[in-house]
Amino acid sequence: MRRPRRRAEETRAEILDTAETLFRKQGVSGCSIAHIAQALSMSPANVFKHFHSKVALADAICERQICAMSQKVEALHLEGPAPERLKTLAFGLMDLHTQAVADNQFMLEMIFYLSETEIESSKHYEKMVETLFADLIRHGVEAGIYHSRDPEVSGRAAAAAFASVLHPVFLTRHSRAQTAERCSQIVDLVNAALQNPLAK
C-alpha cells in the first residue's frame, strides 16, 4: 500500500521521531537506516534522501535536543551581581545536563558515536554555552565587578573550565554531591580570576 504524499518537512520530522524512538530502545549502534526505514514502511533510499548518513541523522537529533535545552536555559533567572549570576548559571546548566542525561540515556552513546565527527550540533551547542558565559562576563565588566579585556575570550575560557561539570561523561561518573562540590570550586576560581584587576 502506497503511503500518502507528504511535505518534505513532515517526512523529515517523522524520520527524526522514529529514529529517536529506535535509538532509545535499541541503542545507536544497534539501529541502522534500514531499521528506521522499515519502521516507517518506506525505502532506505527515501530516508537517505533526507539524511545522507546515520551520522547526519544523529546530528539532527542532537540539534533538536540542544534547541530544547536552550529554551530551558533561557528560563534560568539570572539576577543580582555578576558573581551570583555566574553561580546560578553554572549550577543551572549542571542540573539541566544531569536531567538530560537521566531522561535520555541513549544520548551518551550518541555523543561517543559522534565524538570523532565534526558535526554542526556540537558547534552550535559549544557556541551557545560560550555566549552565555561571555554575556554574563560582559555584564560584570559593565558593572565594574569583573575585569576582562575581551569577554568573548573569557567566555570561552569559562565554558572550558566548567566542562568537567557539564559533559555527560563526567556527570555519569560522579554523584550529584561530588559534581556540585566541583562546580562550586570552579565558580569560586572563575569569580576570583575575573574580579582580579590584573586579569585584564
Protein backbone atom coordinates (compact mmCIF):
# COMPACT_ATOMS: atom_id res chain seq x y z
CA MET A 1 0.00 0.00 0.00
CA ARG A 2 1.46 3.34 -1.05
CA ARG A 3 2.00 5.99 1.60
CA PRO A 4 0.21 9.32 1.03
CA ARG A 5 2.46 12.10 -0.23
CA ARG A 6 3.70 14.45 2.45
CA ARG A 7 5.70 17.62 2.57
CA ALA A 8 9.45 17.15 2.98
CA GLU A 9 9.37 18.83 6.40
CA GLU A 10 6.72 16.39 7.65
CA THR A 11 8.63 13.38 6.37
CA ARG A 12 11.86 14.65 7.88
CA ALA A 13 10.20 15.17 11.27
CA GLU A 14 8.65 11.69 11.14
CA ILE A 15 12.05 10.15 10.37
CA LEU A 16 13.62 12.01 13.30
CA ASP A 17 10.85 10.94 15.69
CA THR A 18 11.12 7.31 14.63
CA ALA A 19 14.91 7.28 14.73
CA GLU A 20 14.95 8.79 18.21
CA THR A 21 12.44 6.19 19.44
CA LEU A 22 14.53 3.36 18.00
CA PHE A 23 17.79 4.81 19.35
CA ARG A 24 16.21 4.84 22.81
CA LYS A 25 15.09 1.20 22.52
CA GLN A 26 17.94 -0.39 20.58
CA GLY A 27 20.85 1.98 21.01
CA VAL A 28 22.52 3.99 18.27
CA SER A 29 24.93 1.24 17.21
CA GLY A 30 22.13 -1.35 17.20
CA CYS A 31 19.94 0.62 14.82
CA SER A 32 20.54 1.10 11.11
CA ILE A 33 18.96 3.26 8.43
CA ALA A 34 17.28 0.07 7.20
CA HIS A 35 15.66 -0.45 10.63
CA ILE A 36 14.36 3.11 10.62
CA ALA A 37 13.03 2.78 7.07
CA GLN A 38 11.30 -0.49 7.94
CA ALA A 39 9.60 1.08 10.97
CA LEU A 40 8.33 3.84 8.68
CA SER A 41 7.28 1.49 5.88
CA MET A 42 9.49 3.35 3.43
CA SER A 43 12.62 2.51 1.49
CA PRO A 44 16.10 3.22 2.91
CA ALA A 45 16.65 5.40 -0.16
CA ASN A 46 13.84 7.67 0.98
CA VAL A 47 15.47 8.08 4.39
CA PHE A 48 18.83 8.79 2.74
CA LYS A 49 17.12 11.46 0.63
CA HIS A 50 16.56 13.46 3.84
CA PHE A 51 19.62 12.34 5.83
CA HIS A 52 22.67 11.26 3.82
CA SER A 53 24.03 9.10 6.67
CA LYS A 54 23.29 7.86 10.18
CA VAL A 55 25.75 10.48 11.42
CA ALA A 56 23.65 13.22 9.79
CA LEU A 57 20.54 11.72 11.38
CA ALA A 58 22.16 11.57 14.84
CA ASP A 59 23.39 15.14 14.37
CA ALA A 60 19.84 16.32 13.64
CA ILE A 61 18.52 14.56 16.76
CA CYS A 62 21.24 16.20 18.85
CA GLU A 63 20.29 19.56 17.36
CA ARG A 64 16.69 19.07 18.50
CA GLN A 65 17.89 18.20 21.99
CA ILE A 66 20.07 21.31 22.05
CA CYS A 67 17.16 23.54 21.00
CA ALA A 68 15.08 22.09 23.82
CA MET A 69 17.96 22.67 26.23
CA SER A 70 18.41 26.29 25.11
CA GLN A 71 14.77 27.05 25.90
CA LYS A 72 15.29 25.74 29.44
CA VAL A 73 18.48 27.79 29.79
CA GLU A 74 16.57 30.93 28.83
CA ALA A 75 14.19 30.21 31.72
CA LEU A 76 17.01 30.42 34.28
CA HIS A 77 16.65 33.51 36.45
CA LEU A 78 20.00 35.27 36.31
CA GLU A 79 19.65 38.09 38.81
CA GLY A 80 21.88 40.03 41.19
CA PRO A 81 25.57 40.89 40.84
CA ALA A 82 27.67 39.04 38.27
CA PRO A 83 29.29 36.62 40.79
CA GLU A 84 25.84 35.43 41.89
CA ARG A 85 24.70 35.14 38.28
CA LEU A 86 27.74 33.03 37.49
CA LYS A 87 26.85 30.59 40.26
CA THR A 88 23.21 30.46 39.16
CA LEU A 89 24.20 29.85 35.54
CA ALA A 90 26.81 27.19 36.36
CA PHE A 91 24.55 25.21 38.68
CA GLY A 92 21.57 25.70 36.38
CA LEU A 93 23.49 24.29 33.41
CA MET A 94 24.84 21.44 35.53
CA ASP A 95 21.35 20.43 36.69
CA LEU A 96 19.89 20.71 33.19
CA HIS A 97 22.65 18.49 31.82
CA THR A 98 22.23 15.98 34.64
CA GLN A 99 18.49 15.76 33.96
CA ALA A 100 19.05 15.47 30.21
CA VAL A 101 21.38 12.51 30.71
CA ALA A 102 18.88 10.85 33.08
CA ASP A 103 15.98 11.37 30.64
CA ASN A 104 17.89 10.42 27.50
CA GLN A 105 20.30 7.59 28.25
CA PHE A 106 20.85 7.00 24.54
CA MET A 107 22.36 10.49 24.23
CA LEU A 108 25.54 9.35 25.98
CA GLU A 109 26.07 6.63 23.40
CA MET A 110 25.25 9.11 20.65
CA ILE A 111 27.91 11.50 21.93
CA PHE A 112 30.51 8.73 21.76
CA TYR A 113 29.21 7.75 18.33
CA LEU A 114 29.67 11.30 17.05
CA SER A 115 32.83 12.12 19.02
CA GLU A 116 35.20 11.69 16.08
CA THR A 117 32.99 13.61 13.67
CA GLU A 118 32.85 17.37 13.20
CA ILE A 119 29.10 17.97 13.50
CA GLU A 120 27.02 21.14 13.37
CA SER A 121 25.02 20.42 16.55
CA SER A 122 28.24 20.19 18.57
CA LYS A 123 29.45 23.54 17.22
CA HIS A 124 26.04 25.10 17.88
CA TYR A 125 25.98 23.84 21.45
CA GLU A 126 29.56 24.94 22.18
CA LYS A 127 28.81 28.41 20.83
CA MET A 128 25.62 28.65 22.89
CA VAL A 129 27.42 27.89 26.17
CA GLU A 130 30.34 30.18 25.39
CA THR A 131 27.94 33.03 24.56
CA LEU A 132 26.09 32.56 27.85
CA PHE A 133 29.30 32.99 29.81
CA ALA A 134 30.56 35.82 27.59
CA ASP A 135 27.33 37.80 28.06
CA LEU A 136 27.47 37.28 31.81
CA ILE A 137 31.11 38.41 31.94
CA ARG A 138 30.29 41.44 29.80
CA HIS A 139 27.54 42.34 32.29
CA GLY A 140 30.06 42.06 35.12
CA VAL A 141 32.58 44.26 33.30
CA GLU A 142 29.97 46.94 32.62
CA ALA A 143 29.04 46.88 36.32
CA GLY A 144 32.68 47.35 37.30
CA ILE A 145 32.84 43.97 39.09
CA TYR A 146 34.70 41.86 36.55
CA HIS A 147 37.86 42.70 34.64
CA SER A 148 38.36 41.37 31.13
CA ARG A 149 39.85 42.86 28.00
CA ASP A 150 37.78 40.54 25.83
CA PRO A 151 34.60 38.97 27.30
CA GLU A 152 34.33 36.67 24.29
CA VAL A 153 37.73 35.13 25.03
CA SER A 154 36.97 35.00 28.75
CA GLY A 155 33.61 33.37 27.98
CA ARG A 156 35.33 30.60 26.03
CA ALA A 157 37.78 30.07 28.90
CA ALA A 158 34.95 29.94 31.46
CA ALA A 159 32.98 27.46 29.35
CA ALA A 160 36.06 25.25 29.12
CA ALA A 161 36.57 25.47 32.89
CA PHE A 162 33.02 24.27 33.57
CA ALA A 163 33.20 21.40 31.04
CA SER A 164 34.02 18.93 33.82
CA VAL A 165 30.61 19.53 35.44
CA LEU A 166 28.63 19.74 32.18
CA HIS A 167 29.88 16.93 29.96
CA PRO A 168 27.69 13.79 30.19
CA VAL A 169 30.73 11.54 30.61
CA PHE A 170 31.75 13.29 33.83
CA LEU A 171 28.18 13.59 35.06
CA THR A 172 27.67 9.83 34.88
CA ARG A 173 30.89 9.08 36.74
CA HIS A 174 30.27 11.19 39.83
CA SER A 175 27.45 11.68 42.32
CA ARG A 176 25.38 14.87 42.39
CA ALA A 177 27.17 15.88 45.63
CA GLN A 178 30.62 15.40 44.09
CA THR A 179 29.69 17.30 40.94
CA ALA A 180 28.10 20.12 42.94
CA GLU A 181 31.23 20.47 45.07
CA ARG A 182 33.41 20.66 41.98
CA CYS A 183 31.04 23.18 40.37
CA SER A 184 31.19 25.38 43.47
CA GLN A 185 35.00 25.27 43.44
CA ILE A 186 35.14 26.27 39.77
CA VAL A 187 32.65 29.11 40.40
CA ASP A 188 34.91 30.45 43.17
CA LEU A 189 38.01 30.12 40.98
CA VAL A 190 36.47 31.85 37.94
CA ASN A 191 34.96 34.60 40.09
CA ALA A 192 38.32 35.22 41.80
CA ALA A 193 40.08 35.43 38.44
CA LEU A 194 37.53 37.78 36.87
CA GLN A 195 37.44 40.10 39.90
CA ASN A 196 41.22 40.46 39.92
CA PRO A 197 42.17 43.81 38.30
CA LEU A 198 45.33 42.16 36.98
CA ALA A 199 43.17 39.74 34.99
CA LYS A 200 42.87 42.31 32.21
